[in-house]
């Protein structure tokens, strides 16, 4: 816009010079530039400036939503899709069948808001009588009531292990907000805050969240390195793949990202490769909310890789939307990472997923997990990230979604091992 204003001013100066050259006093009558001609010339210049302004505005809008240009070119037709598959569990479904299917549950979470007395509104306090690495699920409550669905089940660590053992692993990828999403799941798998490869005083208890910059380089991002409460048969095979897309940590090659995912799946035990893997993606804030990049770098290559009829089983895929922008967001970040841009990106990605991957979560369609409303008003220690309460709430909601998806896949005939678990 500054360059446009400069151009407009320059055009105006030129017009003034032309007018001055016109010299309405000592110019022969045959060469006199009439007032009408000058006015028309100025009007023409104004229209040119307005046209350029409209062009730049429309170009900016197209850049933001360029992924919406012919989105059906990536649309996957249901008739060509591989099936989703799941394995057996020791316990029955804990949320499936209670009144809401997976899509309805996800929509209910998106509509819900924090209660005035919601625990996420205040800083987390360690439970009385517990060590710094312990948390108390018996005292845990959600900060919100679901709008239109029954209250979520609160999964215990043992129930978490059992549920995740019925899938082909859990692969999460994204930025620091996605890291905290994954850490919420790791907390349950370990039944502890002890998620560090290298002990650090700063990273004890809630410190794994509040001291994320110091702790992330020494944190466990693979359940194989974690002291979980899961037995050998219930190994979760859960990992977090850090993605930044800028600086020395940039990894912005679609083939590189696909190779990492394929290597992960290929390394699973044969039995678990028969079950649909879970893939959760959360990116955008570090690419200036570029929806086109989200499509071209992440979604389209993954769809092409996993949607052929021979790519059985089809993964269960989720996009983790961005949580609310806290009131203490640093002012320097507000122009780019403020509430309006964050909400708009979430809405753009939701629309994009509906276009490129229609269907139900249990069919493997890309589905958006929306966290904005259920985090709007939650306590943030730095204006971007949240602590234990939000991490646990997101993990628990995610497990309820997976529990419901598992029941739906089974109802569709997607249970791989129909014998008792002990004989598998």
Protein backbone atom coordinates (compact mmCIF):
# COMPACT_ATOMS: atom_id res chain seq x y z
CA UNK A 1 0.00 0.00 0.00
CA UNK A 2 2.90 2.42 0.69
CA UNK A 3 4.24 1.87 -2.83
CA UNK A 4 0.75 2.46 -4.18
CA UNK A 5 0.44 5.75 -2.29
CA UNK A 6 3.87 6.84 -3.60
CA UNK A 7 2.77 6.02 -7.14
CA UNK A 8 -0.44 8.02 -6.69
CA UNK A 9 1.47 11.03 -5.35
CA UNK A 10 3.95 10.84 -8.26
CA UNK A 11 1.13 10.70 -10.78
CA UNK A 12 -0.47 13.72 -9.13
CA UNK A 13 2.83 15.66 -9.29
CA UNK A 14 3.19 14.80 -12.95
CA UNK A 15 -0.32 16.03 -13.61
CA UNK A 16 0.49 19.26 -11.79
CA UNK A 17 3.63 19.73 -13.88
CA UNK A 18 1.65 19.11 -17.05
CA UNK A 19 -0.89 21.65 -15.90
CA UNK A 20 1.86 24.17 -15.11
CA UNK A 21 3.37 23.60 -18.55
CA UNK A 22 0.00 24.36 -20.04
CA UNK A 23 0.49 28.07 -19.17
CA UNK A 24 -2.91 29.52 -19.61
CA UNK A 25 -1.51 33.08 -20.04
CA UNK A 26 1.05 33.40 -22.81
CA UNK A 27 0.34 30.36 -24.99
CA UNK A 28 -0.91 30.79 -28.54
CA UNK A 29 -4.60 30.03 -28.71
CA UNK A 30 -4.14 27.03 -31.00
CA UNK A 31 -1.84 25.29 -28.52
CA UNK A 32 -3.65 26.16 -25.30
CA UNK A 33 -4.46 23.10 -23.19
CA UNK A 34 -8.06 23.47 -22.20
CA UNK A 35 -9.27 23.14 -18.65
CA UNK A 36 -11.49 20.24 -19.76
CA UNK A 37 -8.49 18.28 -21.03
CA UNK A 38 -6.61 18.74 -17.75
CA UNK A 39 -9.63 17.65 -15.73
CA UNK A 40 -10.13 14.58 -17.90
CA UNK A 41 -6.44 13.72 -17.58
CA UNK A 42 -6.65 13.94 -13.78
CA UNK A 43 -9.79 11.83 -13.68
CA UNK A 44 -8.06 9.19 -15.81
CA UNK A 45 -5.07 9.15 -13.45
CA UNK A 46 -7.36 8.79 -10.43
CA UNK A 47 -9.11 5.83 -12.06
CA UNK A 48 -5.74 4.21 -12.78
CA UNK A 49 -4.73 4.62 -9.14
CA UNK A 50 -8.05 3.16 -7.93
CA UNK A 51 -7.69 0.22 -10.32
CA UNK A 52 -4.20 -0.52 -9.00
CA UNK A 53 -5.49 -0.36 -5.41
CA UNK A 54 -8.30 -2.83 -6.17
CA UNK A 55 -5.83 -5.09 -7.96
CA UNK A 56 -3.50 -5.27 -4.94
CA UNK A 57 -6.40 -5.94 -2.56
CA UNK A 58 -7.77 -8.75 -4.71
CA UNK A 59 -4.29 -10.20 -5.20
CA UNK A 60 -3.81 -10.33 -1.43
CA UNK A 61 -7.14 -12.08 -0.97
CA UNK A 62 -6.31 -14.57 -3.70
CA UNK A 63 -2.93 -15.28 -2.09
CA UNK A 64 -4.60 -16.04 1.24
CA UNK A 65 -7.22 -18.32 -0.24
CA UNK A 66 -5.38 -19.55 -3.32
CA UNK A 67 -5.90 -23.08 -2.07
CA UNK A 68 -9.60 -22.59 -2.77
CA UNK A 69 -8.85 -22.35 -6.49
CA UNK A 70 -10.19 -25.57 -7.94
CA UNK A 71 -9.98 -27.48 -4.62
CA UNK A 72 -11.88 -30.38 -6.16
CA UNK A 73 -8.76 -31.24 -8.15
CA UNK A 74 -7.58 -32.94 -4.93
CA UNK A 75 -11.00 -34.29 -3.96
CA UNK A 76 -10.85 -38.02 -3.22
CA UNK A 77 -13.90 -39.95 -4.33
CA UNK A 78 -15.21 -42.35 -1.66
CA UNK A 79 -15.60 -45.23 -4.11
CA UNK A 80 -11.82 -45.37 -4.59
CA UNK A 81 -10.81 -45.23 -0.95
CA UNK A 82 -9.23 -48.04 1.04
CA UNK A 83 -10.98 -49.15 4.21
CA UNK A 84 -10.09 -48.09 7.73
CA UNK A 85 -9.27 -50.93 10.13
CA UNK A 86 -8.90 -51.28 13.88
CA UNK A 87 -7.83 -53.99 16.27
CA UNK A 88 -9.48 -55.43 19.38
CA UNK A 89 -9.53 -53.89 22.85
CA UNK A 90 -9.76 -55.39 26.29
CA UNK A 91 -12.36 -52.89 27.44
CA UNK A 92 -15.56 -51.89 25.62
CA UNK A 93 -16.16 -48.46 24.15
CA UNK A 94 -16.23 -45.81 26.83
CA UNK A 95 -17.94 -43.00 24.88
CA UNK A 96 -19.20 -44.54 21.63
CA UNK A 97 -22.92 -45.22 21.74
CA UNK A 98 -23.69 -42.63 24.40
CA UNK A 99 -25.62 -40.31 22.09
CA UNK A 100 -23.14 -38.57 19.75
CA UNK A 101 -21.13 -39.93 16.85
CA UNK A 102 -17.59 -38.73 16.18
CA UNK A 103 -18.60 -35.82 13.93
CA UNK A 104 -21.24 -34.67 16.42
CA UNK A 105 -18.78 -34.87 19.30
CA UNK A 106 -16.19 -32.79 17.41
CA UNK A 107 -18.85 -30.21 16.51
CA UNK A 108 -20.00 -30.05 20.13
CA UNK A 109 -16.46 -29.32 21.30
CA UNK A 110 -16.16 -26.57 18.68
CA UNK A 111 -19.31 -24.87 20.06
CA UNK A 112 -18.48 -25.24 23.75
CA UNK A 113 -17.08 -22.48 25.93
CA UNK A 114 -15.20 -22.33 29.21
CA UNK A 115 -17.38 -21.98 32.30
CA UNK A 116 -16.77 -19.01 34.56
CA UNK A 117 -15.39 -21.44 37.15
CA UNK A 118 -13.45 -23.48 34.59
CA UNK A 119 -10.13 -24.79 35.88
CA UNK A 120 -8.28 -23.64 32.76
CA UNK A 121 -8.91 -19.99 33.66
CA UNK A 122 -6.34 -20.16 36.45
CA UNK A 123 -2.79 -21.41 36.78
CA UNK A 124 -2.48 -25.13 37.48
CA UNK A 125 -1.83 -26.04 41.10
CA UNK A 126 -0.08 -29.35 41.86
CA UNK A 127 -2.37 -31.72 43.80
CA UNK A 128 -1.88 -31.70 47.56
CA UNK A 129 0.24 -34.52 48.87
CA UNK A 130 1.64 -35.42 45.45
CA UNK A 131 5.16 -35.19 44.12
CA UNK A 132 6.13 -32.58 41.51
CA UNK A 133 5.91 -35.15 38.70
CA UNK A 134 2.45 -36.37 39.65
CA UNK A 135 -1.04 -35.29 38.65
CA UNK A 136 -4.40 -36.41 39.97
CA UNK A 137 -7.00 -37.54 37.43
CA UNK A 138 -9.49 -38.16 40.23
CA UNK A 139 -9.50 -34.41 40.82
CA UNK A 140 -9.48 -33.51 37.11
CA UNK A 141 -12.58 -31.87 35.63
CA UNK A 142 -13.20 -30.30 32.25
CA UNK A 143 -13.37 -26.52 32.12
CA UNK A 144 -16.37 -26.64 29.79
CA UNK A 145 -19.63 -28.51 29.37
CA UNK A 146 -20.19 -30.02 25.94
CA UNK A 147 -22.79 -28.14 23.91
CA UNK A 148 -25.15 -30.87 22.71
CA UNK A 149 -23.34 -34.07 23.70
CA UNK A 150 -22.88 -36.07 26.92
CA UNK A 151 -19.85 -35.21 29.06
CA UNK A 152 -16.63 -36.83 27.84
CA UNK A 153 -15.23 -39.87 29.60
CA UNK A 154 -12.04 -39.22 31.57
CA UNK A 155 -9.58 -41.85 30.36
CA UNK A 156 -7.22 -43.42 32.87
CA UNK A 157 -3.66 -44.26 31.81
CA UNK A 158 -4.58 -47.96 31.51
CA UNK A 159 -7.63 -47.15 29.37
CA UNK A 160 -5.47 -44.88 27.20
CA UNK A 161 -3.00 -47.68 26.57
CA UNK A 162 -5.79 -50.13 25.71
CA UNK A 163 -7.47 -47.72 23.29
CA UNK A 164 -4.32 -46.72 21.42
CA UNK A 165 -3.26 -50.37 21.08
CA UNK A 166 -6.21 -50.84 18.70
CA UNK A 167 -4.69 -48.50 16.10
CA UNK A 168 -1.55 -48.50 14.00
CA UNK A 169 0.23 -45.97 16.18
CA UNK A 170 -0.26 -42.24 16.73
CA UNK A 171 1.83 -39.86 14.61
CA UNK A 172 1.55 -36.16 15.50
CA UNK A 173 3.33 -33.42 13.54
CA UNK A 174 3.48 -29.67 13.98
CA UNK A 175 4.75 -26.66 15.89
CA UNK A 176 5.03 -25.95 19.62
CA UNK A 177 1.25 -25.89 20.12
CA UNK A 178 1.10 -29.32 18.53
CA UNK A 179 3.95 -30.45 20.78
CA UNK A 180 1.84 -29.60 23.80
CA UNK A 181 -1.07 -31.51 22.29
CA UNK A 182 1.15 -34.59 21.99
CA UNK A 183 2.53 -34.09 25.49
CA UNK A 184 -1.01 -34.27 26.85
CA UNK A 185 -1.23 -37.81 25.45
CA UNK A 186 2.27 -38.66 26.72
CA UNK A 187 1.24 -37.57 30.23
CA UNK A 188 -1.44 -40.25 30.24
CA UNK A 189 0.81 -42.93 28.77
CA UNK A 190 3.42 -42.27 31.47
CA UNK A 191 0.96 -41.35 34.22
CA UNK A 192 3.55 -38.72 35.09
CA UNK A 193 5.03 -35.33 34.20
CA UNK A 194 8.34 -37.10 33.73
CA UNK A 195 8.67 -36.62 29.98
CA UNK A 196 12.34 -35.68 29.84
CA UNK A 197 15.25 -37.60 28.33
CA UNK A 198 17.63 -35.49 30.39
CA UNK A 199 16.49 -34.37 33.87
CA UNK A 200 16.35 -30.59 34.18
CA UNK A 201 15.27 -28.58 37.20
CA UNK A 202 13.27 -26.18 35.05
CA UNK A 203 11.35 -29.02 33.44
CA UNK A 204 9.77 -30.62 36.49
CA UNK A 205 5.99 -30.86 36.63
CA UNK A 206 4.22 -27.96 34.91
CA UNK A 207 7.66 -26.77 33.80
CA UNK A 208 7.51 -29.00 30.71
CA UNK A 209 4.89 -26.53 29.45
CA UNK A 210 5.85 -23.22 31.06
CA UNK A 211 9.56 -23.69 30.25
CA UNK A 212 8.96 -25.15 26.80
CA UNK A 213 11.83 -23.31 25.10
CA UNK A 214 14.35 -24.74 27.56
CA UNK A 215 12.77 -28.18 27.79
CA UNK A 216 11.84 -29.03 24.19
CA UNK A 217 15.37 -30.05 23.18
CA UNK A 218 15.52 -32.62 25.96
CA UNK A 219 11.94 -33.88 25.93
CA UNK A 220 10.78 -37.35 24.96
CA UNK A 221 8.89 -37.28 21.67
CA UNK A 222 8.64 -41.05 21.14
CA UNK A 223 6.73 -43.37 23.46
CA UNK A 224 9.41 -46.00 22.86
CA UNK A 225 11.73 -43.79 24.98
CA UNK A 226 9.07 -43.19 27.61
CA UNK A 227 8.47 -45.21 30.74
CA UNK A 228 4.82 -45.86 29.99
CA UNK A 229 2.33 -47.81 32.08
CA UNK A 230 1.40 -49.82 28.98
CA UNK A 231 2.22 -53.51 28.71
CA UNK A 232 4.05 -55.01 25.74
CA UNK A 233 0.79 -55.88 23.99
CA UNK A 234 -0.45 -52.32 24.43
CA UNK A 235 2.63 -50.48 23.15
CA UNK A 236 1.17 -47.18 21.84
CA UNK A 237 3.81 -46.34 19.20
CA UNK A 238 3.08 -42.64 19.70
CA UNK A 239 5.48 -40.00 18.40
CA UNK A 240 5.65 -36.24 17.95
CA UNK A 241 7.41 -34.99 14.82
CA UNK A 242 8.53 -31.39 15.29
CA UNK A 243 7.81 -29.20 12.28
CA UNK A 244 8.82 -25.56 12.01
CA UNK A 245 9.29 -24.73 8.35
CA UNK A 246 11.78 -21.94 8.90
CA UNK A 247 15.37 -21.29 9.97
CA UNK A 248 17.91 -24.02 10.54
CA UNK A 249 15.14 -26.43 11.58
CA UNK A 250 13.29 -26.03 8.28
CA UNK A 251 12.05 -29.30 6.77
CA UNK A 252 9.83 -28.06 3.99
CA UNK A 253 10.09 -30.85 1.43
CA UNK A 254 6.90 -32.82 0.86
CA UNK A 255 8.89 -35.92 -0.09
CA UNK A 256 10.99 -35.62 3.07
CA UNK A 257 7.87 -35.38 5.25
CA UNK A 258 6.23 -38.32 3.49
CA UNK A 259 9.38 -40.42 3.85
CA UNK A 260 9.39 -39.79 7.61
CA UNK A 261 5.80 -40.96 7.90
CA UNK A 262 6.39 -44.04 5.69
CA UNK A 263 9.49 -44.96 7.70
CA UNK A 264 7.43 -44.76 10.88
CA UNK A 265 4.64 -46.98 9.51
CA UNK A 266 7.07 -49.50 8.00
CA UNK A 267 8.81 -49.90 11.36
CA UNK A 268 5.60 -50.94 13.15
CA UNK A 269 5.17 -54.62 14.07
CA UNK A 270 3.32 -56.60 11.40
CA UNK A 271 0.22 -56.89 13.56
CA UNK A 272 -0.05 -53.13 14.06
CA UNK A 273 0.48 -52.41 10.37
CA UNK A 274 -2.88 -54.08 9.81
CA UNK A 275 -4.62 -51.32 11.80
CA UNK A 276 -5.21 -47.77 10.62
CA UNK A 277 -2.53 -45.40 11.91
CA UNK A 278 -3.64 -42.09 13.43
CA UNK A 279 -2.10 -38.97 11.89
CA UNK A 280 -2.61 -35.55 13.51
CA UNK A 281 -1.26 -32.38 11.87
CA UNK A 282 -1.07 -28.86 13.30
CA UNK A 283 0.73 -26.24 11.18
CA UNK A 284 0.22 -22.71 9.89
CA UNK A 285 1.28 -20.10 12.40
CA UNK A 286 4.92 -20.15 11.23
CA UNK A 287 4.01 -19.95 7.55
CA UNK A 288 2.02 -16.72 7.94
CA UNK A 289 -1.25 -18.70 7.81
CA UNK A 290 -0.52 -19.76 4.22
CA UNK A 291 -3.37 -22.14 3.37
CA UNK A 292 -1.88 -22.90 -0.03
CA UNK A 293 1.29 -24.17 1.63
CA UNK A 294 -0.75 -26.30 4.02
CA UNK A 295 -2.41 -27.93 1.02
CA UNK A 296 0.64 -28.29 -1.22
CA UNK A 297 3.21 -29.30 1.39
CA UNK A 298 1.13 -31.37 3.79
CA UNK A 299 -2.38 -32.36 2.76
CA UNK A 300 -2.23 -33.03 -0.98
CA UNK A 301 0.92 -35.23 -0.91
CA UNK A 302 -0.44 -37.18 2.06
CA UNK A 303 -3.78 -37.72 0.34
CA UNK A 304 -2.08 -38.89 -2.83
CA UNK A 305 0.09 -41.29 -0.83
CA UNK A 306 -2.65 -42.81 1.34
CA UNK A 307 -5.80 -42.77 -0.80
CA UNK A 308 -5.05 -45.35 -3.47
CA UNK A 309 -7.04 -48.58 -3.35
CA UNK A 310 -3.87 -50.52 -2.49
CA UNK A 311 -2.93 -48.27 0.46
CA UNK A 312 -4.72 -50.43 3.02
CA UNK A 313 -5.54 -49.63 5.71
CA UNK A 314 -6.42 -45.99 5.28
CA UNK A 315 -5.10 -43.77 8.11
CA UNK A 316 -7.39 -41.84 10.42
CA UNK A 317 -6.43 -38.21 9.81
CA UNK A 318 -7.02 -35.09 11.87
CA UNK A 319 -6.01 -31.44 11.64
CA UNK A 320 -5.58 -29.82 15.03
CA UNK A 321 -6.97 -26.28 14.76
CA UNK A 322 -5.34 -23.40 16.58
CA UNK A 323 -6.47 -22.53 20.12
CA UNK A 324 -7.57 -19.08 21.19
CA UNK A 325 -5.26 -16.06 21.24
CA UNK A 326 -4.71 -15.21 24.92
CA UNK A 327 -5.30 -11.70 26.25
CA UNK A 328 -1.59 -11.42 27.16
CA UNK A 329 -0.38 -12.04 23.61
CA UNK A 330 2.75 -9.88 23.11
CA UNK A 331 1.77 -6.78 21.07
CA UNK A 332 4.55 -7.39 18.55
CA UNK A 333 2.85 -10.63 17.45
CA UNK A 334 -0.73 -9.35 17.34
CA UNK A 335 -0.69 -7.97 13.76
CA UNK A 336 0.07 -11.44 12.37
CA UNK A 337 -1.00 -13.84 15.12
CA UNK A 338 -4.03 -12.01 16.49
CA UNK A 339 -7.51 -13.41 16.93
CA UNK A 340 -8.86 -12.38 13.51
CA UNK A 341 -6.05 -14.07 11.56
CA UNK A 342 -6.14 -17.17 13.75
CA UNK A 343 -9.90 -17.59 13.40
CA UNK A 344 -9.72 -16.97 9.66
CA UNK A 345 -7.03 -19.60 9.17
CA UNK A 346 -9.03 -22.15 11.16
CA UNK A 347 -12.09 -21.39 9.02
CA UNK A 348 -10.07 -21.59 5.78
CA UNK A 349 -8.56 -24.96 6.69
CA UNK A 350 -11.97 -26.31 7.75
CA UNK A 351 -13.41 -25.34 4.37
CA UNK A 352 -10.37 -26.78 2.60
CA UNK A 353 -10.70 -30.14 4.36
CA UNK A 354 -14.40 -30.33 3.51
CA UNK A 355 -13.47 -29.88 -0.15
CA UNK A 356 -10.41 -32.07 -0.54
CA UNK A 357 -11.36 -34.88 1.84
CA UNK A 358 -15.11 -35.19 2.41
CA UNK A 359 -16.55 -37.92 4.59
CA UNK A 360 -16.66 -39.14 8.17
CA UNK A 361 -13.72 -39.40 10.59
CA UNK A 362 -14.22 -43.18 10.80
CA UNK A 363 -13.75 -43.38 7.01
CA UNK A 364 -10.39 -41.65 7.23
CA UNK A 365 -11.56 -38.25 5.97
CA UNK A 366 -9.44 -35.34 7.13
CA UNK A 367 -11.28 -33.93 10.13
CA UNK A 368 -10.60 -30.72 12.03
CA UNK A 369 -10.36 -30.74 15.80
CA UNK A 370 -11.41 -27.26 16.90
CA UNK A 371 -10.06 -25.82 20.14
CA UNK A 372 -10.61 -22.08 19.84
CA UNK A 373 -13.76 -21.68 21.93
CA UNK A 374 -12.77 -24.19 24.62
CA UNK A 375 -9.52 -22.30 25.19
CA UNK A 376 -10.86 -18.75 24.89
CA UNK A 377 -10.20 -17.31 28.35
CA UNK A 378 -7.80 -20.02 29.49
CA UNK A 379 -4.70 -19.02 31.43
CA UNK A 380 -1.58 -18.66 29.28
CA UNK A 381 1.84 -18.17 30.80
CA UNK A 382 3.35 -16.43 27.75
CA UNK A 383 0.47 -15.25 25.58
CA UNK A 384 0.64 -18.18 23.15
CA UNK A 385 0.97 -21.47 25.01
CA UNK A 386 -1.07 -23.13 27.72
CA UNK A 387 -0.30 -25.48 30.60
CA UNK A 388 -1.35 -28.82 32.03
CA UNK A 389 -5.11 -28.22 32.20
CA UNK A 390 -5.51 -27.36 28.52
CA UNK A 391 -3.09 -30.12 27.46
CA UNK A 392 -5.05 -32.70 29.46
CA UNK A 393 -8.41 -31.44 28.19
CA UNK A 394 -7.29 -31.68 24.58
CA UNK A 395 -5.84 -35.15 25.15
CA UNK A 396 -9.03 -36.38 26.82
CA UNK A 397 -11.25 -34.98 24.06
CA UNK A 398 -9.00 -36.60 21.46
CA UNK A 399 -9.27 -39.97 23.20
CA UNK A 400 -13.06 -39.69 23.32
CA UNK A 401 -13.06 -38.97 19.58
CA UNK A 402 -10.83 -42.01 18.94
CA UNK A 403 -13.02 -44.19 21.15
CA UNK A 404 -16.07 -43.17 19.11
CA UNK A 405 -14.23 -43.65 15.81
CA UNK A 406 -13.13 -47.12 16.94
CA UNK A 407 -16.74 -48.10 17.64
CA UNK A 408 -17.88 -46.77 14.26
CA UNK A 409 -15.14 -48.61 12.35
CA UNK A 410 -16.07 -51.84 14.15
CA UNK A 411 -19.75 -51.28 13.25
CA UNK A 412 -18.71 -50.86 9.61
CA UNK A 413 -16.98 -54.26 9.64
CA UNK A 414 -13.48 -52.89 10.08
CA UNK A 415 -12.36 -55.01 13.06
CA UNK A 416 -9.30 -56.94 11.92
CA UNK A 417 -8.96 -59.54 14.65
CA UNK A 418 -12.34 -60.93 15.60
CA UNK A 419 -10.83 -63.58 17.83
CA UNK A 420 -10.07 -62.97 21.50
CA UNK A 421 -7.06 -60.76 22.12
CA UNK A 422 -5.01 -63.48 23.77
CA UNK A 423 -4.91 -65.59 20.61
CA UNK A 424 -3.84 -62.77 18.30
